[in-house]
Each structure stands twice: as C-alpha cells, then as structure tokens.
Amino acid sequence: MTDVTSLTVGVLGGTGPQGKGLALRWSRAGIKVVIGSRSSERAEAAAAELGEGVTGMNNEGTAAIADVVLVAVPWEGHGELLTSLRDQLAGKIVIDCVNPLGFDQQGPFALPVEDGSAAQQAVKLLPESRVTAAFHHVSAVQLADLSIAELHTDVLVLGDDREATDIVRALADAVPGMRGVYGGRLRNAHQVEALTANLIAINRRYKAHTGIRITDV
C-alpha cells in the first residue's frame, strides 16, 4: 500500500462541490489539502468551512505548493487554466477529473473533444507533468455528507505512469469505503469521462447518487 499521508494535495476548483467534497474527505483521512481558486479569498473561505488540515490560496500558489494536484474545474475553463499553470505543475502528479458534458432537453451527453478527452488535453498542455485521470464518478452530494461514514464506490484510475497511478489509487483508498482500481491508459479516458452522462441520467430517473463498482477484482 502506497503511503500518501505525507503528501500535500492541491485541489484546483476546490470551491466547487466535487473538489470541495474530495478535499473534505482527504483532510479527514489525515492528508494535508490546499484548496485553489482564482480568488484567494474564496479559497480561504472554503478552507475555513472544511476545518483543520485544509488551507486555501489562489490557483498559482496551490499548484506550486502541492505534490499532487486534482483538477476539478468546469470543462469550459479547463484548457485555459492548465495552460496558465504549466510551469507550476511541471513534475507534479496531476489528476484530471473533468467531464466534458453538455445538457439539453433530452438530458446530459458527452461532448466531442479535439484531443480525445479532457485528460488527453491535459497531457498536451502539460508535457512535463505526470497526468492521470480519476474521480469522475464520485457523488459530490455523498462526499459532503459526513453522516455517510463509508463511500462504497470504486474509482477508475487511468494513466501511463505506473507510480503515478499507484499514488492516485492510494488517495482513493484513503477515503473509507472507496477503492482505487487501475482502469487503463489515458487513451481510454474518453469513455470514462463520457460515462458520467449515463450516471447523471440514472440519478435523475431514480433520484439516487450512483457510483460504480468493479466486480471480481
């Protein structure tokens, strides 16, 4: 088991529900977390809500100080943000959990991405970073609800760097009930990102907060 308790995890988009929820769960697992935002004031306010072990600063500071950085921003700002942080993210493990989705009267649907997926766009924009893809299918509602002691869900972790994917899997394992499962190389990230549209549709139909489980592993 990879020990991740000595790492500092930065969360870009940490004031949003997904990033904030993961920051909460990691901090409760004893991992130091830094929340990043375009506004350092917003980041500091969100960190104060989460309590001990969480600090907040602007995106540049977060990317510079963290050992591992989770990207949990809206798809529309994904490329611009990563381009602006290329230097700060050099050499870092980057976890991309962005889902390029659209919504219309028929519900959610996957958007076409020129580079193949959000994760592959991240590889293109961050040539010196160790890019992985994970945490696409974790319910933000359940992350924020500490009355749910264990989150019984699997996290597919994709990447081309074995050590990096092992560390990201360990970050998933650090959350009680959650399990990180290697899901293939980054060229397979598109269908993982796109599956989020199906899960949202399921949630709407059944009024649920679904995740995924991998059997026989």
C-alpha atoms as a PDB file:
ATOM      1  CA  MET A   1       0.000   0.000   0.000  1.00  0.00           C
ATOM      2  CA  THR A   2       1.408   3.388  -1.011  1.00  0.00           C
ATOM      3  CA  ASP A   3       1.577   5.839   1.905  1.00  0.00           C
ATOM      4  CA  VAL A   4       0.053   9.185   0.903  1.00  0.00           C
ATOM      5  CA  THR A   5      -0.246  10.780   4.335  1.00  0.00           C
ATOM      6  CA  SER A   6       2.979  12.764   3.820  1.00  0.00           C
ATOM      7  CA  LEU A   7       1.719  14.328   0.575  1.00  0.00           C
ATOM      8  CA  THR A   8       0.158  17.734   0.104  1.00  0.00           C
ATOM      9  CA  VAL A   9      -2.793  17.547  -2.281  1.00  0.00           C
ATOM     10  CA  GLY A  10      -3.855  20.680  -4.137  1.00  0.00           C
ATOM     11  CA  VAL A  11      -7.404  20.947  -5.436  1.00  0.00           C
ATOM     12  CA  LEU A  12      -7.915  23.341  -8.344  1.00  0.00           C
ATOM     13  CA  GLY A  13     -11.601  24.130  -8.364  1.00  0.00           C
ATOM     14  CA  GLY A  14     -11.731  23.388  -4.663  1.00  0.00           C
ATOM     15  CA  THR A  15     -14.607  25.787  -4.071  1.00  0.00           C
ATOM     16  CA  GLY A  16     -16.876  23.689  -6.326  1.00  0.00           C
ATOM     17  CA  PRO A  17     -18.864  20.719  -4.981  1.00  0.00           C
ATOM     18  CA  GLN A  18     -16.663  17.904  -6.343  1.00  0.00           C
ATOM     19  CA  GLY A  19     -13.325  19.424  -5.397  1.00  0.00           C
ATOM     20  CA  LYS A  20     -14.563  20.612  -2.030  1.00  0.00           C
ATOM     21  CA  GLY A  21     -16.034  17.212  -1.230  1.00  0.00           C
ATOM     22  CA  LEU A  22     -12.821  15.359  -2.026  1.00  0.00           C
ATOM     23  CA  ALA A  23     -10.820  17.927  -0.048  1.00  0.00           C
ATOM     24  CA  LEU A  24     -13.086  17.275   2.939  1.00  0.00           C
ATOM     25  CA  ARG A  25     -12.680  13.509   2.779  1.00  0.00           C
ATOM     26  CA  TRP A  26      -8.896  13.667   2.290  1.00  0.00           C
ATOM     27  CA  SER A  27      -8.447  16.067   5.167  1.00  0.00           C
ATOM     28  CA  ARG A  28     -10.496  13.749   7.406  1.00  0.00           C
ATOM     29  CA  ALA A  29      -8.112  10.951   6.350  1.00  0.00           C
ATOM     30  CA  GLY A  30      -5.150  12.958   7.662  1.00  0.00           C
ATOM     31  CA  ILE A  31      -3.902  14.274   4.313  1.00  0.00           C
ATOM     32  CA  LYS A  32      -2.848  17.905   4.037  1.00  0.00           C
ATOM     33  CA  VAL A  33      -5.034  19.686   1.467  1.00  0.00           C
ATOM     34  CA  VAL A  34      -4.729  23.065  -0.228  1.00  0.00           C
ATOM     35  CA  ILE A  35      -7.814  24.460  -1.959  1.00  0.00           C
ATOM     36  CA  GLY A  36      -7.174  26.586  -5.021  1.00  0.00           C
ATOM     37  CA  SER A  37      -9.376  29.168  -6.696  1.00  0.00           C
ATOM     38  CA  ARG A  38      -8.984  32.195  -8.928  1.00  0.00           C
ATOM     39  CA  SER A  39      -9.827  34.183  -5.804  1.00  0.00           C
ATOM     40  CA  SER A  40      -7.622  33.532  -2.794  1.00  0.00           C
ATOM     41  CA  GLU A  41     -10.398  34.947  -0.590  1.00  0.00           C
ATOM     42  CA  ARG A  42     -12.899  32.376  -1.869  1.00  0.00           C
ATOM     43  CA  ALA A  43     -10.345  29.608  -1.399  1.00  0.00           C
ATOM     44  CA  GLU A  44      -9.606  30.679   2.164  1.00  0.00           C
ATOM     45  CA  ALA A  45     -13.323  30.840   2.985  1.00  0.00           C
ATOM     46  CA  ALA A  46     -13.919  27.340   1.598  1.00  0.00           C
ATOM     47  CA  ALA A  47     -10.921  26.006   3.529  1.00  0.00           C
ATOM     48  CA  ALA A  48     -12.239  27.541   6.751  1.00  0.00           C
ATOM     49  CA  GLU A  49     -15.531  25.696   6.256  1.00  0.00           C
ATOM     50  CA  LEU A  50     -13.714  22.370   5.946  1.00  0.00           C
ATOM     51  CA  GLY A  51     -11.685  22.810   9.118  1.00  0.00           C
ATOM     52  CA  GLU A  52      -8.299  21.649  10.313  1.00  0.00           C
ATOM     53  CA  GLY A  53      -5.782  20.409   7.766  1.00  0.00           C
ATOM     54  CA  VAL A  54      -7.149  22.483   4.879  1.00  0.00           C
ATOM     55  CA  THR A  55      -5.750  25.804   3.679  1.00  0.00           C
ATOM     56  CA  GLY A  56      -6.724  27.998   0.753  1.00  0.00           C
ATOM     57  CA  MET A  57      -4.852  30.146  -1.739  1.00  0.00           C
ATOM     58  CA  ASN A  58      -5.018  31.162  -5.382  1.00  0.00           C
ATOM     59  CA  ASN A  59      -4.542  28.603  -8.159  1.00  0.00           C
ATOM     60  CA  GLU A  60      -0.918  29.545  -8.813  1.00  0.00           C
ATOM     61  CA  GLY A  61       0.054  29.133  -5.174  1.00  0.00           C
ATOM     62  CA  THR A  62      -1.840  25.869  -4.874  1.00  0.00           C
ATOM     63  CA  ALA A  63      -0.169  24.350  -7.945  1.00  0.00           C
ATOM     64  CA  ALA A  64       3.255  25.439  -6.733  1.00  0.00           C
ATOM     65  CA  ILE A  65       2.995  24.091  -3.175  1.00  0.00           C
ATOM     66  CA  ALA A  66       1.229  20.768  -3.777  1.00  0.00           C
ATOM     67  CA  ASP A  67       2.826  17.385  -4.505  1.00  0.00           C
ATOM     68  CA  VAL A  68      -0.309  16.093  -6.250  1.00  0.00           C
ATOM     69  CA  VAL A  69      -2.881  18.344  -7.917  1.00  0.00           C
ATOM     70  CA  LEU A  70      -6.519  17.475  -8.619  1.00  0.00           C
ATOM     71  CA  VAL A  71      -8.127  19.405 -11.487  1.00  0.00           C
ATOM     72  CA  ALA A  72     -11.842  19.757 -10.721  1.00  0.00           C
ATOM     73  CA  VAL A  73     -12.844  22.784 -12.780  1.00  0.00           C
ATOM     74  CA  PRO A  74     -15.614  23.219 -15.362  1.00  0.00           C
ATOM     75  CA  TRP A  75     -14.709  21.922 -18.811  1.00  0.00           C
ATOM     76  CA  GLU A  76     -15.091  25.383 -20.306  1.00  0.00           C
ATOM     77  CA  GLY A  77     -12.107  26.690 -18.337  1.00  0.00           C
ATOM     78  CA  HIS A  78     -10.003  23.526 -18.375  1.00  0.00           C
ATOM     79  CA  GLY A  79      -7.592  24.349 -21.184  1.00  0.00           C
ATOM     80  CA  GLU A  80      -7.021  27.967 -20.215  1.00  0.00           C
ATOM     81  CA  LEU A  81      -6.307  27.098 -16.577  1.00  0.00           C
ATOM     82  CA  LEU A  82      -3.835  24.316 -17.337  1.00  0.00           C
ATOM     83  CA  THR A  83      -2.002  26.448 -19.875  1.00  0.00           C
ATOM     84  CA  SER A  84      -1.579  29.188 -17.281  1.00  0.00           C
ATOM     85  CA  LEU A  85      -0.167  26.737 -14.696  1.00  0.00           C
ATOM     86  CA  ARG A  86       2.204  24.774 -16.924  1.00  0.00           C
ATOM     87  CA  ASP A  87       5.326  25.880 -15.068  1.00  0.00           C
ATOM     88  CA  GLN A  88       3.896  25.348 -11.576  1.00  0.00           C
ATOM     89  CA  LEU A  89       2.639  21.859 -12.483  1.00  0.00           C
ATOM     90  CA  ALA A  90       5.885  20.649 -14.077  1.00  0.00           C
ATOM     91  CA  GLY A  91       6.998  17.402 -12.454  1.00  0.00           C
ATOM     92  CA  LYS A  92       3.785  17.084 -10.429  1.00  0.00           C
ATOM     93  CA  ILE A  93       1.207  14.305 -10.496  1.00  0.00           C
ATOM     94  CA  VAL A  94      -1.934  15.842 -11.982  1.00  0.00           C
ATOM     95  CA  ILE A  95      -5.297  14.114 -11.502  1.00  0.00           C
ATOM     96  CA  ASP A  96      -7.834  15.226 -14.087  1.00  0.00           C
ATOM     97  CA  CYS A  97     -11.441  14.550 -13.064  1.00  0.00           C
ATOM     98  CA  VAL A  98     -13.077  16.894 -15.580  1.00  0.00           C
ATOM     99  CA  ASN A  99     -16.057  15.585 -17.550  1.00  0.00           C
ATOM    100  CA  PRO A 100     -16.743  17.363 -20.873  1.00  0.00           C
ATOM    101  CA  LEU A 101     -20.528  17.237 -20.842  1.00  0.00           C
ATOM    102  CA  GLY A 102     -23.398  19.120 -22.393  1.00  0.00           C
ATOM    103  CA  PHE A 103     -27.032  19.327 -21.356  1.00  0.00           C
ATOM    104  CA  ASP A 104     -30.200  19.822 -23.372  1.00  0.00           C
ATOM    105  CA  GLN A 105     -33.880  18.922 -23.123  1.00  0.00           C
ATOM    106  CA  GLN A 106     -33.014  15.251 -23.525  1.00  0.00           C
ATOM    107  CA  GLY A 107     -30.536  15.307 -20.658  1.00  0.00           C
ATOM    108  CA  PRO A 108     -26.753  15.018 -20.321  1.00  0.00           C
ATOM    109  CA  PHE A 109     -24.472  13.970 -23.172  1.00  0.00           C
ATOM    110  CA  ALA A 110     -20.734  13.683 -23.795  1.00  0.00           C
ATOM    111  CA  LEU A 111     -19.122  16.496 -25.753  1.00  0.00           C
ATOM    112  CA  PRO A 112     -16.590  15.803 -28.501  1.00  0.00           C
ATOM    113  CA  VAL A 113     -13.037  16.751 -27.510  1.00  0.00           C
ATOM    114  CA  GLU A 114     -10.459  17.538 -30.159  1.00  0.00           C
ATOM    115  CA  ASP A 115      -7.656  15.808 -28.245  1.00  0.00           C
ATOM    116  CA  GLY A 116      -9.817  12.780 -27.436  1.00  0.00           C
ATOM    117  CA  SER A 117     -10.607  13.530 -23.794  1.00  0.00           C
ATOM    118  CA  ALA A 118     -10.035  16.117 -21.097  1.00  0.00           C
ATOM    119  CA  ALA A 119      -7.181  14.007 -19.740  1.00  0.00           C
ATOM    120  CA  GLN A 120      -5.503  13.835 -23.147  1.00  0.00           C
ATOM    121  CA  GLN A 121      -5.860  17.594 -23.492  1.00  0.00           C
ATOM    122  CA  ALA A 122      -4.115  17.882 -20.132  1.00  0.00           C
ATOM    123  CA  VAL A 123      -1.227  15.739 -21.404  1.00  0.00           C
ATOM    124  CA  LYS A 124      -0.869  18.010 -24.425  1.00  0.00           C
ATOM    125  CA  LEU A 125      -0.913  21.188 -22.339  1.00  0.00           C
ATOM    126  CA  LEU A 126       1.264  19.833 -19.503  1.00  0.00           C
ATOM    127  CA  PRO A 127       4.105  17.975 -21.244  1.00  0.00           C
ATOM    128  CA  GLU A 128       6.283  17.948 -18.105  1.00  0.00           C
ATOM    129  CA  SER A 129       3.560  16.755 -15.714  1.00  0.00           C
ATOM    130  CA  ARG A 130       2.563  13.205 -14.774  1.00  0.00           C
ATOM    131  CA  VAL A 131      -1.085  13.265 -15.842  1.00  0.00           C
ATOM    132  CA  THR A 132      -3.643  10.759 -14.602  1.00  0.00           C
ATOM    133  CA  ALA A 133      -7.439  10.640 -14.776  1.00  0.00           C
ATOM    134  CA  ALA A 134      -9.667   9.655 -11.835  1.00  0.00           C
ATOM    135  CA  PHE A 135     -12.601  10.544  -9.539  1.00  0.00           C
ATOM    136  CA  HIS A 136     -15.050  11.199 -12.389  1.00  0.00           C
ATOM    137  CA  HIS A 137     -17.904   9.193 -10.891  1.00  0.00           C
ATOM    138  CA  VAL A 138     -17.859  10.086  -7.192  1.00  0.00           C
ATOM    139  CA  SER A 139     -21.020  11.749  -5.903  1.00  0.00           C
ATOM    140  CA  ALA A 140     -20.352  15.280  -4.647  1.00  0.00           C
ATOM    141  CA  VAL A 141     -23.501  15.036  -2.504  1.00  0.00           C
ATOM    142  CA  GLN A 142     -22.224  11.947  -0.714  1.00  0.00           C
ATOM    143  CA  LEU A 143     -18.722  13.369  -0.342  1.00  0.00           C
ATOM    144  CA  ALA A 144     -20.126  16.365   1.522  1.00  0.00           C
ATOM    145  CA  ASP A 145     -22.359  14.283   3.811  1.00  0.00           C
ATOM    146  CA  LEU A 146     -20.191  13.150   6.712  1.00  0.00           C
ATOM    147  CA  SER A 147     -23.077  11.121   8.103  1.00  0.00           C
ATOM    148  CA  ILE A 148     -22.113   8.690   5.321  1.00  0.00           C
ATOM    149  CA  ALA A 149     -19.105   7.156   7.028  1.00  0.00           C
ATOM    150  CA  GLU A 150     -18.095   4.946   4.101  1.00  0.00           C
ATOM    151  CA  LEU A 151     -18.465   5.690   0.398  1.00  0.00           C
ATOM    152  CA  HIS A 152     -18.973   2.328  -1.231  1.00  0.00           C
ATOM    153  CA  THR A 153     -17.730   3.163  -4.696  1.00  0.00           C
ATOM    154  CA  ASP A 154     -14.791   2.333  -6.931  1.00  0.00           C
ATOM    155  CA  VAL A 155     -12.619   4.945  -8.621  1.00  0.00           C
ATOM    156  CA  LEU A 156     -11.203   4.144 -12.033  1.00  0.00           C
ATOM    157  CA  VAL A 157      -7.643   5.463 -12.280  1.00  0.00           C
ATOM    158  CA  LEU A 158      -6.126   5.865 -15.733  1.00  0.00           C
ATOM    159  CA  GLY A 159      -2.584   6.806 -16.685  1.00  0.00           C
ATOM    160  CA  ASP A 160       0.616   5.892 -18.459  1.00  0.00           C
ATOM    161  CA  ASP A 161       2.872   6.274 -15.380  1.00  0.00           C
ATOM    162  CA  ARG A 162       2.614   3.257 -13.076  1.00  0.00           C
ATOM    163  CA  GLU A 163       3.942   5.003  -9.980  1.00  0.00           C
ATOM    164  CA  ALA A 164       1.601   7.946 -10.507  1.00  0.00           C
ATOM    165  CA  THR A 165      -1.472   5.725 -10.888  1.00  0.00           C
ATOM    166  CA  ASP A 166      -0.477   3.791  -7.750  1.00  0.00           C
ATOM    167  CA  ILE A 167      -0.352   7.041  -5.759  1.00  0.00           C
ATOM    168  CA  VAL A 168      -3.738   8.139  -7.099  1.00  0.00           C
ATOM    169  CA  ARG A 169      -5.224   4.739  -6.288  1.00  0.00           C
ATOM    170  CA  ALA A 170      -3.892   5.132  -2.754  1.00  0.00           C
ATOM    171  CA  LEU A 171      -5.577   8.542  -2.492  1.00  0.00           C
ATOM    172  CA  ALA A 172      -8.849   6.834  -3.377  1.00  0.00           C
ATOM    173  CA  ASP A 173      -8.194   4.062  -0.866  1.00  0.00           C
ATOM    174  CA  ALA A 174      -7.585   6.680   1.857  1.00  0.00           C
ATOM    175  CA  VAL A 175     -11.302   7.519   1.866  1.00  0.00           C
ATOM    176  CA  PRO A 176     -13.207   4.895   3.903  1.00  0.00           C
ATOM    177  CA  GLY A 177     -15.200   2.583   1.652  1.00  0.00           C
ATOM    178  CA  MET A 178     -13.658   3.936  -1.552  1.00  0.00           C
ATOM    179  CA  ARG A 179     -11.338   1.827  -3.701  1.00  0.00           C
ATOM    180  CA  GLY A 180      -8.960   2.845  -6.473  1.00  0.00           C
ATOM    181  CA  VAL A 181      -8.880   0.474  -9.456  1.00  0.00           C
ATOM    182  CA  TYR A 182      -6.461   0.795 -12.366  1.00  0.00           C
ATOM    183  CA  GLY A 183      -8.587   1.418 -15.459  1.00  0.00           C
ATOM    184  CA  GLY A 184      -6.110   1.501 -18.332  1.00  0.00           C
ATOM    185  CA  ARG A 185      -4.035   4.059 -20.166  1.00  0.00           C
ATOM    186  CA  LEU A 186      -5.017   7.655 -20.782  1.00  0.00           C
ATOM    187  CA  ARG A 187      -6.032   6.926 -24.365  1.00  0.00           C
ATOM    188  CA  ASN A 188      -9.064   5.205 -22.794  1.00  0.00           C
ATOM    189  CA  ALA A 189     -10.130   8.224 -20.749  1.00  0.00           C
ATOM    190  CA  HIS A 190     -12.868   9.376 -23.134  1.00  0.00           C
ATOM    191  CA  GLN A 191     -15.320   6.600 -22.312  1.00  0.00           C
ATOM    192  CA  VAL A 192     -14.691   7.020 -18.578  1.00  0.00           C
ATOM    193  CA  GLU A 193     -15.447  10.742 -18.778  1.00  0.00           C
ATOM    194  CA  ALA A 194     -18.453  10.128 -21.019  1.00  0.00           C
ATOM    195  CA  LEU A 195     -19.920   7.505 -18.654  1.00  0.00           C
ATOM    196  CA  THR A 196     -20.666  10.347 -16.253  1.00  0.00           C
ATOM    197  CA  ALA A 197     -23.530  11.379 -18.541  1.00  0.00           C
ATOM    198  CA  ASN A 198     -25.097   7.948 -18.077  1.00  0.00           C
ATOM    199  CA  LEU A 199     -24.732   8.139 -14.307  1.00  0.00           C
ATOM    200  CA  ILE A 200     -26.365  11.576 -14.200  1.00  0.00           C
ATOM    201  CA  ALA A 201     -29.267  10.200 -16.243  1.00  0.00           C
ATOM    202  CA  ILE A 202     -29.600   7.297 -13.799  1.00  0.00           C
ATOM    203  CA  ASN A 203     -29.535   9.683 -10.853  1.00  0.00           C
ATOM    204  CA  ARG A 204     -32.296  11.791 -12.350  1.00  0.00           C
ATOM    205  CA  ARG A 205     -34.517   8.830 -13.104  1.00  0.00           C
ATOM    206  CA  TYR A 206     -34.076   7.046  -9.772  1.00  0.00           C
ATOM    207  CA  LYS A 207     -33.401  10.064  -7.539  1.00  0.00           C
ATOM    208  CA  ALA A 208     -30.114   8.500  -6.473  1.00  0.00           C
ATOM    209  CA  HIS A 209     -26.408   9.283  -6.133  1.00  0.00           C
ATOM    210  CA  THR A 210     -24.912   6.422  -8.089  1.00  0.00           C
ATOM    211  CA  GLY A 211     -21.297   5.341  -8.423  1.00  0.00           C
ATOM    212  CA  ILE A 212     -19.652   2.317  -9.986  1.00  0.00           C
ATOM    213  CA  ARG A 213     -18.330  -0.994  -8.641  1.00  0.00           C
ATOM    214  CA  ILE A 214     -15.894  -3.297 -10.415  1.00  0.00           C
ATOM    215  CA  THR A 215     -16.541  -7.000  -9.807  1.00  0.00           C
ATOM    216  CA  ASP A 216     -14.078  -9.901  -9.425  1.00  0.00           C
ATOM    217  CA  VAL A 217     -11.094  -7.693  -8.522  1.00  0.00           C
END
